[in-house]
Structure formats: structure tokens, C-alpha cells
Amino acid sequence: MASQSIDCTTGSTWNSFADYFRAAAYSSFPQEHRTSPGRLRCRMVLAEFGPHSYDDPDVPDLVISSPLEIIKPGETSWNFGSGWSRGVWTPGSLFAMPPHHRSDWRADGVRRALLLIVPTETLRRVFGVSTPANLQEAFVPLSKDIWQDNLVHSLIVKLWEASERNRNTDYILADGLLTTLLSILLQRAATSDMPQKIVLSPFKLKRVSDFVDGNLDQSITVRDLATVSGLSGRHFARTFTQETGLSPHRWLMQRRISSATRLLVESDLDCGSIAEMCGFASQSHLSVAMKSHLGVTPIFYRRGNKPD
């Protein structure tokens, strides 16, 4: 179900900032609306903003504003709930309104500007596994001030042109432009809320290996290995498999079997003692494990590999 927001001043419910802009107080401003021809859903508005004092509802969209022309200079003030800020628009400057944030606006002057309106569903589709855990707050750093980025501005203008749908390939261009633009914005926001890839470093992997080698005769659980690595059990199991290609349990079994086969060849210890030293519950347990992994029992392995 699509997210909805309620305009506190009118009680109206809005699924998109574009709908709000067209129907609410901004409707008095000359405006043209377009939708992207691509598979990635977004909407755009070209509007001539005059002096105004409006309270905007929170909507499930990221809204990027960029003036094309300053017709009459003036100051703009905004408040997202933590105090008023001020800035002056210039051609090509930019401002981001994060999704699900109510805001108050007071503006002088007249400007012709483009609005890029991107639903949160599109943000998640573009960012995929890199989607910030708190998408509502991820773009807040871009709402602190009016800022400049010539590349972002040019991409917005090009996306507006592609939304005119004059060429058969505009849908491809539109998706590429939007993906590039949103990636730049996320990097510029430099959010600390990005999901981090939890990596099992070579140092941590060696620490796990050393722990196993030093405690091979003991019962060792995946939780024990996770504790040694400094990761939670769930993250350890996932990253360990990514790094080694084996589940922790299978890797541990292979370490036990490898140690057992070495002792079978290099020592004269009986199979029961070797099983105990390598952490197997019994000689029978060792036999079953070697038969399963190597296709031979301990006795036959020793006969076939121990030098005369």
C-alpha cells in the first residue's frame, strides 16, 4: 500500500508531493508536470515560484529543487522542526526535502525552478542493499542549506528533457540519469546510517583458526567462534561463509579431520586417542566423519598413507 501523508493545515491526504503541489496552495503558481518515461518511477515539476508563506506536509518523497532562473532576487527561510534557516537561491543551486518531514517555508523573490520528486519505493529500488537503514533521515544533511553541484543540476535538467518523451530511448536515458543522480546525492549526504558490510578480516579469520587449533580437543560451537571473531553469531556465520566458502560447522569438521589424518600418518597413536585429541566424541564418530568426507575409515587411511 502506498504511503500517505496528511496536510495539517487542510486535513487533506497526499500520496505524492507532486499531487500536493498541484492541488494545494502552490496551485496558484504556473507549473508543468511530467513523469519519467523510465521504469524507475519519479515525477517532475517546472514551476514559477512567487513570494509565499506555506506549511508543507510530510510526504513519502525525496524532493530536490533547483532554480533555472532567478526572476526577482529574494531570501528564502525554512524550518524542518529544529529552527529556522535562511538562504538565497541562485541559478543551478540545489536543496533537498527529505521524505516524511513536515516543513515551514517563507520566501521572497520570484524564481523558475525544477522539482524532482522521487518516491521512497524508487529510492529503495535504486539503492538496493545499500539503502540506508533510516531512509527518512539519510538526506537530512542536504536540507541544512542551499548548495551547489553543477553535475546534479545538469542531470536534473537532462531528466526533465528526457521526460518529454521525444525519443524512443528516453526511457533508458531517464533510468540512467536518475540512478546516477540519486547515487551522487546519497554520497553527498555522507550519511552514517548506511548499512555496513561486516567483513571477517584475515586477522579475525586467523584468530579463529588459532583458537580452533589450540582447543581442538574441546567441544567448540559456532557461538564460540563468533565470540573469538568479535562478531554476533548471525553475522559471523554469514560473513564466514562468504570468506571461506564453507559454513562454520563444515569448516570446523574439516579442521578436525585434517588434524586426525595428520596424526594417523605421523604418529603411532591408536584411533581412539586420535579421535579424542581432535575433538570427536568417539572412535566411531571419527570413522563416520572420515568416511563421509574422505570416503575411507581411519584404519584404511593409515594403511594407505603411512610410510613403511
Protein backbone atom coordinates (compact mmCIF):
# COMPACT_ATOMS: atom_id res chain seq x y z
CA MET A 1 0.00 0.00 0.00
CA ALA A 2 1.32 3.47 -0.93
CA SER A 3 2.31 5.75 1.94
CA GLN A 4 0.06 8.72 2.61
CA SER A 5 0.60 12.00 4.45
CA ILE A 6 -1.92 14.43 5.87
CA ASP A 7 -1.67 18.18 5.34
CA CYS A 8 -2.06 19.52 8.87
CA THR A 9 -3.47 22.82 7.58
CA THR A 10 -6.22 21.34 5.39
CA GLY A 11 -6.65 17.77 6.61
CA SER A 12 -6.04 16.52 3.06
CA THR A 13 -4.17 13.28 2.42
CA TRP A 14 -1.32 13.22 -0.11
CA ASN A 15 0.41 10.26 -1.72
CA SER A 16 2.93 12.47 -3.51
CA PHE A 17 4.41 15.93 -3.23
CA ALA A 18 3.52 16.43 -6.90
CA ASP A 19 -0.18 15.95 -6.10
CA TYR A 20 0.09 18.33 -3.15
CA PHE A 21 1.92 20.92 -5.25
CA ARG A 22 -0.70 20.77 -7.99
CA ALA A 23 -3.75 20.96 -5.73
CA ALA A 24 -2.78 22.91 -2.61
CA ALA A 25 -1.57 26.49 -2.13
CA TYR A 26 1.16 26.14 -4.76
CA SER A 27 -1.56 25.65 -7.39
CA SER A 28 -1.56 29.43 -7.91
CA PHE A 29 1.94 29.20 -9.40
CA PRO A 30 2.35 28.49 -13.14
CA GLN A 31 3.52 24.88 -13.40
CA GLU A 32 4.07 21.98 -15.77
CA HIS A 33 4.11 18.35 -14.60
CA ARG A 34 5.87 15.36 -16.16
CA THR A 35 6.53 11.76 -15.23
CA SER A 36 9.70 9.87 -16.04
CA PRO A 37 9.39 7.59 -19.08
CA GLY A 38 11.66 5.04 -17.40
CA ARG A 39 10.94 2.02 -15.22
CA LEU A 40 12.13 3.92 -12.14
CA ARG A 41 9.15 5.95 -11.04
CA CYS A 42 9.59 9.68 -10.39
CA ARG A 43 7.81 12.90 -11.20
CA MET A 44 9.00 16.40 -12.11
CA VAL A 45 7.53 19.88 -11.95
CA LEU A 46 8.63 23.07 -13.66
CA ALA A 47 7.15 25.98 -11.71
CA GLU A 48 7.45 29.72 -11.32
CA PHE A 49 7.60 30.38 -7.57
CA GLY A 50 6.40 33.74 -6.27
CA PRO A 51 6.60 35.09 -2.71
CA HIS A 52 4.87 32.68 -0.32
CA SER A 53 4.45 31.51 3.26
CA TYR A 54 3.37 27.85 3.32
CA ASP A 55 3.48 24.86 5.65
CA ASP A 56 4.25 21.69 3.69
CA PRO A 57 3.07 18.28 4.98
CA ASP A 58 5.40 15.33 5.25
CA VAL A 59 5.15 13.19 2.12
CA PRO A 60 6.75 9.85 1.16
CA ASP A 61 9.04 11.51 -1.39
CA LEU A 62 12.53 12.92 -1.65
CA VAL A 63 12.13 16.34 -3.28
CA ILE A 64 15.05 18.12 -4.96
CA SER A 65 14.61 21.73 -6.00
CA SER A 66 16.92 23.53 -8.45
CA PRO A 67 16.25 27.01 -9.95
CA LEU A 68 16.73 27.57 -13.66
CA GLU A 69 16.26 31.34 -13.46
CA ILE A 70 16.07 33.97 -10.74
CA ILE A 71 13.45 36.44 -11.94
CA LYS A 72 13.43 38.59 -8.81
CA PRO A 73 16.08 38.03 -6.09
CA GLY A 74 14.91 37.34 -2.56
CA GLU A 75 15.64 35.36 0.59
CA THR A 76 14.11 32.00 1.49
CA SER A 77 13.65 30.67 5.05
CA TRP A 78 12.73 27.14 6.07
CA ASN A 79 12.12 25.15 9.23
CA PHE A 80 12.01 21.35 9.50
CA GLY A 81 11.20 21.49 13.20
CA SER A 82 14.61 22.29 14.64
CA GLY A 83 14.76 26.03 13.98
CA TRP A 84 14.75 28.41 11.05
CA SER A 85 17.47 28.56 8.39
CA ARG A 86 17.95 31.10 5.61
CA GLY A 87 19.45 31.03 2.16
CA VAL A 88 19.48 32.71 -1.22
CA TRP A 89 18.71 30.87 -4.43
CA THR A 90 20.98 31.21 -7.45
CA PRO A 91 20.60 29.58 -10.88
CA GLY A 92 21.68 25.93 -10.58
CA SER A 93 21.65 25.85 -6.78
CA LEU A 94 20.03 22.88 -5.03
CA PHE A 95 18.03 21.94 -1.96
CA ALA A 96 16.70 18.59 -0.72
CA MET A 97 13.49 17.98 1.22
CA PRO A 98 13.87 14.56 2.92
CA PRO A 99 10.90 12.17 2.84
CA HIS A 100 8.42 12.23 5.72
CA HIS A 101 9.50 15.62 7.08
CA ARG A 102 6.99 18.41 7.64
CA SER A 103 8.40 21.86 6.81
CA ASP A 104 7.54 25.57 7.00
CA TRP A 105 8.55 27.96 4.21
CA ARG A 106 8.77 31.74 3.92
CA ALA A 107 10.08 33.06 0.59
CA ASP A 108 10.57 36.40 -1.11
CA GLY A 109 11.52 36.89 -4.73
CA VAL A 110 10.49 35.03 -7.86
CA ARG A 111 12.26 32.05 -9.41
CA ARG A 112 11.64 29.48 -12.10
CA ALA A 113 12.71 26.10 -10.80
CA LEU A 114 12.61 22.36 -11.44
CA LEU A 115 11.42 19.94 -8.78
CA LEU A 116 12.48 16.29 -8.88
CA ILE A 117 10.10 14.15 -6.81
CA VAL A 118 11.27 10.62 -6.04
CA PRO A 119 9.11 8.16 -4.05
CA THR A 120 10.79 6.19 -1.29
CA GLU A 121 9.96 2.96 -3.16
CA THR A 122 12.13 4.19 -6.04
CA LEU A 123 14.93 5.10 -3.65
CA ARG A 124 14.92 1.56 -2.27
CA ARG A 125 14.83 0.09 -5.76
CA VAL A 126 17.83 2.16 -6.88
CA PHE A 127 19.95 1.70 -3.74
CA GLY A 128 19.12 -1.98 -3.18
CA VAL A 129 21.27 -3.45 -0.42
CA SER A 130 22.89 -0.02 0.04
CA THR A 131 19.60 1.56 1.12
CA PRO A 132 20.16 3.43 4.40
CA ALA A 133 18.50 1.76 7.37
CA ASN A 134 16.77 5.07 8.17
CA LEU A 135 15.81 6.42 4.78
CA GLN A 136 13.79 9.21 6.40
CA GLU A 137 16.93 10.75 7.91
CA ALA A 138 19.52 9.83 5.26
CA PHE A 139 19.09 13.02 3.20
CA VAL A 140 18.68 15.45 6.11
CA PRO A 141 22.26 16.79 5.62
CA LEU A 142 21.15 18.08 2.21
CA SER A 143 18.38 20.15 3.83
CA LYS A 144 20.65 22.20 6.07
CA ASP A 145 21.50 24.78 3.43
CA ILE A 146 21.15 25.70 -0.23
CA TRP A 147 24.12 24.14 -2.03
CA GLN A 148 25.79 23.89 -5.42
CA ASP A 149 26.57 20.87 -7.60
CA ASN A 150 26.75 21.57 -11.31
CA LEU A 151 26.61 17.88 -12.22
CA VAL A 152 23.47 17.21 -10.19
CA HIS A 153 21.78 20.29 -11.65
CA SER A 154 22.65 19.26 -15.21
CA LEU A 155 21.36 15.73 -14.58
CA ILE A 156 18.04 17.12 -13.33
CA VAL A 157 17.73 19.32 -16.42
CA LYS A 158 18.56 16.38 -18.70
CA LEU A 159 15.99 14.21 -16.89
CA TRP A 160 13.38 16.90 -17.47
CA GLU A 161 14.23 16.88 -21.17
CA ALA A 162 14.05 13.08 -21.31
CA SER A 163 10.64 13.22 -19.61
CA GLU A 164 9.31 15.00 -22.71
CA ARG A 165 9.49 11.56 -24.39
CA ASN A 166 10.67 12.76 -27.80
CA ARG A 167 12.99 9.78 -28.42
CA ASN A 168 12.41 6.04 -28.30
CA THR A 169 15.37 5.59 -25.97
CA ASP A 170 14.36 8.27 -23.46
CA TYR A 171 13.16 5.60 -21.01
CA ILE A 172 16.66 4.11 -20.91
CA LEU A 173 18.29 7.52 -20.52
CA ALA A 174 15.85 8.52 -17.77
CA ASP A 175 16.64 5.50 -15.60
CA GLY A 176 20.37 6.01 -16.07
CA LEU A 177 20.16 9.70 -15.20
CA LEU A 178 18.05 9.07 -12.10
CA THR A 179 20.30 6.26 -10.84
CA THR A 180 23.40 8.40 -11.27
CA LEU A 181 21.77 11.44 -9.70
CA LEU A 182 20.49 9.60 -6.63
CA SER A 183 23.83 7.87 -6.11
CA ILE A 184 25.58 11.24 -6.08
CA LEU A 185 23.05 12.64 -3.63
CA LEU A 186 23.47 9.71 -1.24
CA GLN A 187 27.25 10.09 -1.34
CA ARG A 188 26.98 13.83 -0.83
CA ALA A 189 24.71 13.31 2.17
CA ALA A 190 27.54 11.17 3.60
CA THR A 191 25.08 9.50 5.94
CA SER A 192 26.49 7.45 8.79
CA ASP A 193 23.36 5.31 8.70
CA MET A 194 24.47 3.32 5.69
CA PRO A 195 24.34 -0.41 6.18
CA GLN A 196 27.94 -1.52 6.61
CA LYS A 197 29.30 -4.66 5.09
CA ILE A 198 30.57 -6.71 8.00
CA VAL A 199 33.81 -8.29 6.88
CA LEU A 200 35.69 -11.13 8.51
CA SER A 201 39.20 -9.76 8.05
CA PRO A 202 42.23 -12.04 7.57
CA PHE A 203 43.32 -11.08 11.08
CA LYS A 204 40.00 -12.18 12.57
CA LEU A 205 39.97 -15.35 10.49
CA LYS A 206 43.48 -16.23 11.75
CA ARG A 207 42.37 -15.58 15.31
CA VAL A 208 39.52 -18.05 14.81
CA SER A 209 41.89 -20.62 13.26
CA ASP A 210 44.39 -20.26 16.11
CA PHE A 211 41.62 -20.67 18.66
CA VAL A 212 40.43 -23.87 16.99
CA ASP A 213 43.95 -25.29 16.72
CA GLY A 214 44.54 -24.61 20.41
CA ASN A 215 41.24 -26.11 21.54
CA LEU A 216 40.68 -28.88 19.03
CA ASP A 217 40.17 -31.50 21.74
CA GLN A 218 37.29 -29.45 23.17
CA SER A 219 33.67 -29.04 22.15
CA ILE A 220 33.56 -25.86 20.02
CA THR A 221 30.34 -24.14 18.97
CA VAL A 222 29.68 -21.53 16.29
CA ARG A 223 28.95 -19.11 19.11
CA ASP A 224 32.45 -19.73 20.47
CA LEU A 225 33.93 -18.89 17.07
CA ALA A 226 31.77 -15.77 16.76
CA THR A 227 32.92 -14.59 20.19
CA VAL A 228 36.57 -15.01 19.20
CA SER A 229 35.97 -13.05 15.97
CA GLY A 230 34.17 -10.23 17.78
CA LEU A 231 31.01 -10.60 15.67
CA SER A 232 27.49 -11.63 16.54
CA GLY A 233 26.59 -15.23 15.83
CA ARG A 234 24.37 -14.37 12.86
CA HIS A 235 26.86 -12.00 11.24
CA PHE A 236 29.76 -14.35 11.88
CA ALA A 237 28.04 -17.30 10.21
CA ARG A 238 27.14 -15.22 7.15
CA THR A 239 30.49 -13.48 6.69
CA PHE A 240 32.48 -16.63 7.48
CA THR A 241 30.70 -18.48 4.70
CA GLN A 242 31.28 -15.55 2.34
CA GLU A 243 35.00 -15.50 3.10
CA THR A 244 35.74 -19.24 3.18
CA GLY A 245 33.01 -20.78 1.03
CA LEU A 246 32.16 -23.13 3.91
CA SER A 247 29.74 -22.95 6.79
CA PRO A 248 31.47 -22.65 10.19
CA HIS A 249 30.33 -26.16 11.14
CA ARG A 250 31.66 -27.76 7.96
CA TRP A 251 34.93 -25.82 8.20
CA LEU A 252 35.41 -26.93 11.82
CA MET A 253 34.76 -30.54 10.86
CA GLN A 254 37.34 -30.29 8.10
CA ARG A 255 39.88 -28.89 10.57
CA ARG A 256 39.25 -31.82 12.92
CA ILE A 257 39.54 -34.36 10.11
CA SER A 258 42.71 -32.70 8.77
CA SER A 259 44.33 -32.91 12.19
CA ALA A 260 43.23 -36.52 12.58
CA THR A 261 44.65 -37.58 9.19
CA ARG A 262 47.94 -35.90 10.03
CA LEU A 263 48.20 -37.81 13.30
CA LEU A 264 47.23 -41.07 11.60
CA VAL A 265 50.18 -40.67 9.25
CA GLU A 266 52.77 -39.05 11.53
CA SER A 267 52.14 -40.89 14.81
CA ASP A 268 51.55 -44.37 16.17
CA LEU A 269 48.67 -43.27 18.37
CA ASP A 270 45.62 -45.52 18.32
CA CYS A 271 42.48 -44.28 16.58
CA GLY A 272 40.62 -43.77 19.86
CA SER A 273 43.31 -41.41 21.18
CA ILE A 274 43.44 -39.51 17.89
CA ALA A 275 39.66 -39.13 17.94
CA GLU A 276 39.81 -37.68 21.45
CA MET A 277 42.66 -35.29 20.62
CA CYS A 278 40.79 -33.96 17.58
CA GLY A 279 37.50 -33.36 19.39
CA PHE A 280 35.49 -36.33 18.16
CA ALA A 281 33.08 -37.91 20.61
CA SER A 282 34.45 -41.38 19.94
CA GLN A 283 36.48 -43.50 17.53
CA SER A 284 33.22 -44.39 15.84
CA HIS A 285 32.43 -40.69 15.38
CA LEU A 286 35.83 -40.19 13.74
CA SER A 287 35.24 -43.15 11.44
CA VAL A 288 31.84 -41.86 10.35
CA ALA A 289 33.24 -38.36 9.70
CA MET A 290 36.20 -39.61 7.65
CA LYS A 291 34.02 -41.99 5.69
CA SER A 292 31.63 -39.16 4.90
CA HIS A 293 34.28 -36.60 3.92
CA LEU A 294 37.12 -38.74 2.55
CA GLY A 295 35.43 -41.99 1.64
CA VAL A 296 37.72 -44.10 3.88
CA THR A 297 37.88 -45.14 7.53
CA PRO A 298 40.83 -44.13 9.77
CA ILE A 299 42.36 -47.61 9.58
CA PHE A 300 42.33 -47.75 5.79
CA TYR A 301 43.58 -44.15 5.57
CA ARG A 302 46.57 -45.01 7.79
CA ARG A 303 47.33 -48.15 5.78
CA GLY A 304 47.29 -46.26 2.53
CA ASN A 305 49.28 -43.19 3.61
CA LYS A 306 51.65 -44.10 6.45
CA PRO A 307 55.24 -44.66 5.27
CA ASP A 308 56.68 -48.12 5.83
